[in-house]
């Protein structure tokens, strides 16, 4: 089978490409001209140059493929104009899925996010049926992913064989940028975390996420959403696991989220002046107020999603980041 991967130079995309190659797929990757392609260096892939917002380039990249994995997205919580986030995540999704429709693609996997799902006020894990109120969704990234997911589900209702997967908080190798999730690990390794905000998240090995994409292509039901998740951890538990696998001490000071909100606006403004992505933004603080716990039981039961322990996933991530810094 020949598969197109959009966003193949990104964290999840690079791992999806590798998983597809391991399964014997011929892989074509849609790559923006300015993308850092180091995560795909040396792989036996075909490259199509273009942006997901360029309908002509997308149509040419889709042509001749049997499956499309639409992984590309702007994963940022500040420092980028809102319109750029919506253009890439919403309009880009519409363009890719329209091209898949026009070319008669046999199977499409759309990478959404748990950011497009609701959360439970009682702190229990949410699942694919948990309702979400668009007006209460924090930030442009999460809103854009919710809108993009709606586009994918509308194409499914029209008859496009598209399956939606929603990764939680993946960790592991090839997080080149790094993503906001990976930045937590990098900051920990560089001893730039004197304190933390007590929140919660669902941690999953990025290799399991990549495998979940292929399983969704093979077994997923069109028009369905599958959470690609792992273990639910508090931030304290996450940092303690990082301490175990890295040999570094975990920060002990826990800060409440609410007083940090005014400070986050200052860091956002500073980031705009310095043209650097801020680590602390109003969106990240608002999200930290509620534990982001999720239940991947549907993907485990229907797809056979693997469940690598969070400790092992974090160990792989730490090893990769250290190796990268050492030039390995």
Protein backbone atom coordinates (compact mmCIF):
# COMPACT_ATOMS: atom_id res chain seq x y z
CA UNK A 1 0.00 0.00 0.00
CA UNK A 2 1.17 3.51 -0.79
CA UNK A 3 0.42 6.05 1.92
CA UNK A 4 0.68 9.83 2.07
CA UNK A 5 1.64 11.41 5.39
CA UNK A 6 1.13 15.13 5.93
CA UNK A 7 3.17 16.61 8.77
CA UNK A 8 5.72 13.84 8.42
CA UNK A 9 8.60 16.00 9.65
CA UNK A 10 6.78 16.66 12.94
CA UNK A 11 6.92 14.62 16.13
CA UNK A 12 3.95 12.29 15.63
CA UNK A 13 4.32 12.34 11.84
CA UNK A 14 7.94 11.17 11.88
CA UNK A 15 6.96 8.23 14.06
CA UNK A 16 3.97 7.41 11.84
CA UNK A 17 6.30 7.37 8.82
CA UNK A 18 8.61 4.92 10.57
CA UNK A 19 5.75 2.69 11.66
CA UNK A 20 4.38 2.60 8.10
CA UNK A 21 7.78 1.68 6.69
CA UNK A 22 8.09 -1.12 9.25
CA UNK A 23 4.74 -2.45 8.04
CA UNK A 24 5.94 -2.49 4.44
CA UNK A 25 4.10 0.60 3.17
CA UNK A 26 5.51 2.78 0.42
CA UNK A 27 5.46 6.25 1.96
CA UNK A 28 5.14 9.69 0.41
CA UNK A 29 5.51 12.70 2.71
CA UNK A 30 4.13 16.18 2.06
CA UNK A 31 6.85 18.57 3.25
CA UNK A 32 6.78 22.35 3.46
CA UNK A 33 9.82 23.96 1.78
CA UNK A 34 11.01 25.47 5.06
CA UNK A 35 10.51 22.33 7.18
CA UNK A 36 13.32 20.76 9.20
CA UNK A 37 13.58 17.32 7.62
CA UNK A 38 16.19 15.94 10.00
CA UNK A 39 13.69 13.57 11.64
CA UNK A 40 13.28 11.76 8.29
CA UNK A 41 16.93 11.76 7.21
CA UNK A 42 18.00 8.54 5.52
CA UNK A 43 14.53 7.00 5.31
CA UNK A 44 13.40 5.38 2.02
CA UNK A 45 10.52 7.76 1.38
CA UNK A 46 9.20 9.86 -1.48
CA UNK A 47 8.93 13.60 -0.83
CA UNK A 48 6.28 15.93 -2.21
CA UNK A 49 6.99 19.61 -1.57
CA UNK A 50 4.03 21.74 -0.58
CA UNK A 51 1.82 23.11 2.17
CA UNK A 52 -1.51 21.66 3.34
CA UNK A 53 -3.11 25.01 2.50
CA UNK A 54 -2.00 24.73 -1.15
CA UNK A 55 -4.81 22.77 -2.79
CA UNK A 56 -2.83 22.08 -5.96
CA UNK A 57 0.18 20.71 -4.10
CA UNK A 58 -2.03 18.60 -1.85
CA UNK A 59 -3.97 17.16 -4.78
CA UNK A 60 -0.72 16.21 -6.53
CA UNK A 61 0.63 14.60 -3.34
CA UNK A 62 -2.55 12.58 -2.77
CA UNK A 63 -2.75 11.31 -6.34
CA UNK A 64 -1.60 7.71 -6.69
CA UNK A 65 -1.91 6.88 -2.99
CA UNK A 66 -4.32 4.42 -1.37
CA UNK A 67 -4.27 5.81 2.17
CA UNK A 68 -3.81 9.29 3.61
CA UNK A 69 -2.62 10.05 7.13
CA UNK A 70 -3.35 13.71 7.81
CA UNK A 71 -1.07 14.47 10.75
CA UNK A 72 -0.02 18.05 9.95
CA UNK A 73 -1.03 20.77 12.42
CA UNK A 74 0.22 23.93 14.11
CA UNK A 75 0.74 22.74 17.71
CA UNK A 76 1.30 25.99 19.60
CA UNK A 77 -0.27 27.74 22.59
CA UNK A 78 0.91 31.27 21.91
CA UNK A 79 3.35 33.41 19.97
CA UNK A 80 1.64 32.72 16.63
CA UNK A 81 -1.18 34.77 15.03
CA UNK A 82 -4.55 33.09 15.56
CA UNK A 83 -5.40 33.18 11.87
CA UNK A 84 -2.28 31.13 11.06
CA UNK A 85 -3.40 28.41 13.48
CA UNK A 86 -6.93 28.22 12.03
CA UNK A 87 -5.66 28.33 8.45
CA UNK A 88 -3.30 25.39 8.96
CA UNK A 89 -5.45 23.28 11.25
CA UNK A 90 -8.96 23.87 9.91
CA UNK A 91 -8.61 24.98 6.30
CA UNK A 92 -5.65 22.65 5.80
CA UNK A 93 -7.77 19.72 6.99
CA UNK A 94 -10.57 20.69 4.61
CA UNK A 95 -8.15 20.85 1.67
CA UNK A 96 -6.51 17.48 2.44
CA UNK A 97 -9.82 15.67 2.92
CA UNK A 98 -11.31 17.23 -0.20
CA UNK A 99 -8.32 16.00 -2.19
CA UNK A 100 -8.76 12.53 -0.67
CA UNK A 101 -12.44 12.63 -1.68
CA UNK A 102 -11.68 13.79 -5.21
CA UNK A 103 -9.01 11.12 -5.70
CA UNK A 104 -11.14 8.30 -4.30
CA UNK A 105 -8.76 7.42 -1.46
CA UNK A 106 -9.60 4.08 0.13
CA UNK A 107 -8.77 5.04 3.72
CA UNK A 108 -8.05 8.29 5.58
CA UNK A 109 -6.82 8.76 9.14
CA UNK A 110 -7.23 12.27 10.54
CA UNK A 111 -5.06 13.15 13.53
CA UNK A 112 -7.15 15.15 15.93
CA UNK A 113 -6.22 15.59 19.62
CA UNK A 114 -7.67 15.13 23.08
CA UNK A 115 -7.64 18.95 22.95
CA UNK A 116 -10.81 18.56 20.84
CA UNK A 117 -12.54 16.45 23.49
CA UNK A 118 -14.28 17.44 26.69
CA UNK A 119 -13.04 16.94 30.25
CA UNK A 120 -14.95 15.77 33.31
CA UNK A 121 -15.50 18.09 36.23
CA UNK A 122 -15.27 15.20 38.70
CA UNK A 123 -11.67 14.52 37.67
CA UNK A 124 -12.47 11.11 36.19
CA UNK A 125 -11.07 10.17 32.76
CA UNK A 126 -13.03 11.48 29.78
CA UNK A 127 -13.75 9.36 26.73
CA UNK A 128 -14.86 9.91 23.15
CA UNK A 129 -18.45 10.61 24.24
CA UNK A 130 -17.61 13.36 26.74
CA UNK A 131 -19.34 16.51 25.57
CA UNK A 132 -17.35 19.66 24.86
CA UNK A 133 -18.59 23.26 24.83
CA UNK A 134 -16.78 25.19 22.09
CA UNK A 135 -17.19 28.47 23.98
CA UNK A 136 -15.40 27.04 27.03
CA UNK A 137 -12.48 25.58 25.08
CA UNK A 138 -9.25 27.32 26.11
CA UNK A 139 -7.21 28.90 23.34
CA UNK A 140 -7.00 28.98 19.57
CA UNK A 141 -5.10 25.69 19.22
CA UNK A 142 -7.76 23.67 21.01
CA UNK A 143 -10.58 25.47 19.21
CA UNK A 144 -8.89 24.90 15.85
CA UNK A 145 -8.52 21.18 16.54
CA UNK A 146 -12.17 20.95 17.53
CA UNK A 147 -13.21 22.68 14.30
CA UNK A 148 -10.86 20.49 12.23
CA UNK A 149 -12.33 17.39 13.86
CA UNK A 150 -15.80 18.61 12.91
CA UNK A 151 -14.63 18.95 9.31
CA UNK A 152 -13.34 15.36 9.34
CA UNK A 153 -16.59 14.00 10.80
CA UNK A 154 -18.61 15.91 8.21
CA UNK A 155 -16.56 14.32 5.41
CA UNK A 156 -17.22 10.93 7.05
CA UNK A 157 -20.97 11.60 6.98
CA UNK A 158 -20.66 12.43 3.29
CA UNK A 159 -19.06 9.03 2.69
CA UNK A 160 -15.30 9.58 2.91
CA UNK A 161 -13.79 6.58 4.77
CA UNK A 162 -12.09 8.74 7.39
CA UNK A 163 -11.23 7.61 10.92
CA UNK A 164 -10.36 10.17 13.60
CA UNK A 165 -7.62 9.49 16.15
CA UNK A 166 -7.01 11.70 19.19
CA UNK A 167 -3.54 11.38 20.74
CA UNK A 168 -3.20 12.51 24.34
CA UNK A 169 0.27 13.69 25.49
CA UNK A 170 2.85 11.69 23.53
CA UNK A 171 6.48 11.40 24.59
CA UNK A 172 9.40 9.75 22.86
CA UNK A 173 11.96 10.15 20.07
CA UNK A 174 12.06 12.54 17.10
CA UNK A 175 10.50 15.47 18.96
CA UNK A 176 12.81 17.82 17.07
CA UNK A 177 11.17 21.21 17.76
CA UNK A 178 10.30 20.17 20.55
CA UNK A 179 6.52 20.16 21.04
CA UNK A 180 5.09 21.79 24.18
CA UNK A 181 4.94 18.33 25.77
CA UNK A 182 8.56 17.61 24.87
CA UNK A 183 9.59 21.03 26.13
CA UNK A 184 8.59 19.95 29.64
CA UNK A 185 11.12 17.11 29.40
CA UNK A 186 13.82 19.38 27.96
CA UNK A 187 13.29 21.97 30.70
CA UNK A 188 13.48 19.23 33.33
CA UNK A 189 16.76 17.88 31.92
CA UNK A 190 18.23 21.40 31.83
CA UNK A 191 17.16 22.08 35.43
CA UNK A 192 14.84 24.90 34.33
CA UNK A 193 11.90 23.74 36.44
CA UNK A 194 12.28 25.14 39.96
CA UNK A 195 8.54 24.61 40.53
CA UNK A 196 5.50 23.12 38.86
CA UNK A 197 1.75 23.58 38.63
CA UNK A 198 -0.24 20.66 39.95
CA UNK A 199 -2.32 19.38 37.08
CA UNK A 200 -2.78 16.05 35.35
CA UNK A 201 -2.39 14.56 31.89
CA UNK A 202 -2.54 11.30 29.98
CA UNK A 203 0.96 10.21 28.93
CA UNK A 204 1.41 7.87 25.97
CA UNK A 205 4.43 6.54 24.11
CA UNK A 206 4.65 8.18 20.70
CA UNK A 207 5.46 4.77 19.21
CA UNK A 208 2.05 3.55 20.47
CA UNK A 209 0.43 6.62 18.92
CA UNK A 210 2.10 5.84 15.59
CA UNK A 211 1.01 2.21 15.77
CA UNK A 212 -2.48 3.42 16.67
CA UNK A 213 -2.66 5.36 13.40
CA UNK A 214 -1.99 2.20 11.40
CA UNK A 215 -4.44 0.17 13.48
CA UNK A 216 -7.08 2.85 12.89
CA UNK A 217 -6.43 2.60 9.16
CA UNK A 218 -6.76 -1.18 9.27
CA UNK A 219 -9.54 -1.69 11.83
CA UNK A 220 -11.13 1.65 12.69
CA UNK A 221 -14.74 2.42 11.86
CA UNK A 222 -15.25 5.38 9.53
CA UNK A 223 -16.69 8.39 11.32
CA UNK A 224 -15.51 7.18 14.74
CA UNK A 225 -13.07 8.85 17.15
CA UNK A 226 -10.42 6.83 19.00
CA UNK A 227 -8.37 8.21 21.90
CA UNK A 228 -4.74 7.14 21.53
CA UNK A 229 -3.75 7.36 25.16
CA UNK A 230 -1.80 5.68 27.93
CA UNK A 231 -1.44 6.39 31.66
CA UNK A 232 -3.13 9.19 33.60
CA UNK A 233 -0.56 10.95 35.79
CA UNK A 234 -0.46 14.01 37.98
CA UNK A 235 2.29 16.47 37.15
CA UNK A 236 3.99 15.44 40.39
CA UNK A 237 3.96 11.78 39.29
CA UNK A 238 5.28 12.70 35.85
CA UNK A 239 8.19 14.65 37.33
CA UNK A 240 8.96 11.84 39.77
CA UNK A 241 9.16 9.38 36.87
CA UNK A 242 11.44 11.79 35.00
CA UNK A 243 13.63 11.97 38.08
CA UNK A 244 13.86 8.16 38.19
CA UNK A 245 14.85 7.72 34.57
CA UNK A 246 17.16 10.75 34.35
CA UNK A 247 18.90 10.63 37.72
CA UNK A 248 18.03 14.29 38.32
CA UNK A 249 16.01 15.64 41.26
CA UNK A 250 12.37 16.55 40.75
CA UNK A 251 11.20 20.05 41.73
CA UNK A 252 9.38 20.08 45.05
CA UNK A 253 7.61 23.42 44.96
CA UNK A 254 4.02 23.22 43.73
CA UNK A 255 2.33 26.46 42.64
CA UNK A 256 -1.39 27.19 42.19
CA UNK A 257 -2.41 27.99 38.63
CA UNK A 258 -4.61 31.05 39.22
CA UNK A 259 -1.91 33.53 40.42
CA UNK A 260 0.25 32.64 37.39
CA UNK A 261 -2.34 33.84 34.89
CA UNK A 262 -1.35 37.55 35.05
CA UNK A 263 2.32 36.57 34.76
CA UNK A 264 1.56 34.50 31.68
CA UNK A 265 0.35 37.58 29.79
CA UNK A 266 3.72 39.19 30.49
CA UNK A 267 5.65 36.20 29.14
CA UNK A 268 3.39 36.19 26.06
CA UNK A 269 4.18 39.85 25.39
CA UNK A 270 7.89 39.23 25.94
CA UNK A 271 7.79 36.34 23.52
CA UNK A 272 6.26 38.58 20.87
CA UNK A 273 9.08 41.09 21.32
CA UNK A 274 11.87 38.51 21.29
CA UNK A 275 10.18 36.31 18.63
CA UNK A 276 10.62 33.30 20.88
CA UNK A 277 7.84 30.89 21.80
CA UNK A 278 6.92 31.49 25.46
CA UNK A 279 6.81 28.50 27.79
CA UNK A 280 4.13 30.04 29.98
CA UNK A 281 1.01 31.35 28.22
CA UNK A 282 -2.56 32.15 29.27
CA UNK A 283 -3.76 29.07 27.38
CA UNK A 284 -1.40 26.68 29.16
CA UNK A 285 -2.35 28.13 32.55
CA UNK A 286 -6.07 27.83 31.83
CA UNK A 287 -5.59 24.21 30.74
CA UNK A 288 -3.60 23.44 33.87
CA UNK A 289 -6.62 24.27 36.03
CA UNK A 290 -8.27 20.97 35.12
CA UNK A 291 -6.65 17.52 34.99
CA UNK A 292 -6.66 16.24 31.41
CA UNK A 293 -7.35 12.57 32.11
CA UNK A 294 -8.60 10.29 29.32
CA UNK A 295 -9.74 6.70 28.86
CA UNK A 296 -8.25 4.89 25.82
CA UNK A 297 -10.38 1.75 26.37
CA UNK A 298 -12.16 2.08 23.01
CA UNK A 299 -8.88 2.13 21.05
CA UNK A 300 -7.50 -0.73 23.14
CA UNK A 301 -10.60 -2.86 22.66
CA UNK A 302 -11.41 -2.14 19.01
CA UNK A 303 -7.98 -1.46 17.54
CA UNK A 304 -5.60 -3.31 19.84
CA UNK A 305 -3.75 -0.11 20.80
CA UNK A 306 -0.54 -1.08 22.66
CA UNK A 307 0.07 0.27 26.15
CA UNK A 308 3.72 0.99 26.85
CA UNK A 309 4.25 1.97 30.52
CA UNK A 310 4.73 5.72 30.99
CA UNK A 311 8.05 5.12 32.74
CA UNK A 312 9.42 3.28 29.70
CA UNK A 313 8.09 5.95 27.31
CA UNK A 314 9.71 8.72 29.36
CA UNK A 315 12.97 6.78 29.51
CA UNK A 316 13.04 6.58 25.70
CA UNK A 317 12.30 10.30 25.47
CA UNK A 318 15.07 11.23 27.90
CA UNK A 319 17.54 9.01 26.05
CA UNK A 320 16.63 10.55 22.71
CA UNK A 321 16.89 14.16 23.91
CA UNK A 322 20.24 13.48 25.57
CA UNK A 323 21.56 11.68 22.50
CA UNK A 324 20.46 14.56 20.29
CA UNK A 325 22.29 17.09 22.46
CA UNK A 326 25.40 14.93 22.41
CA UNK A 327 25.24 14.78 18.60
CA UNK A 328 24.32 11.12 18.54
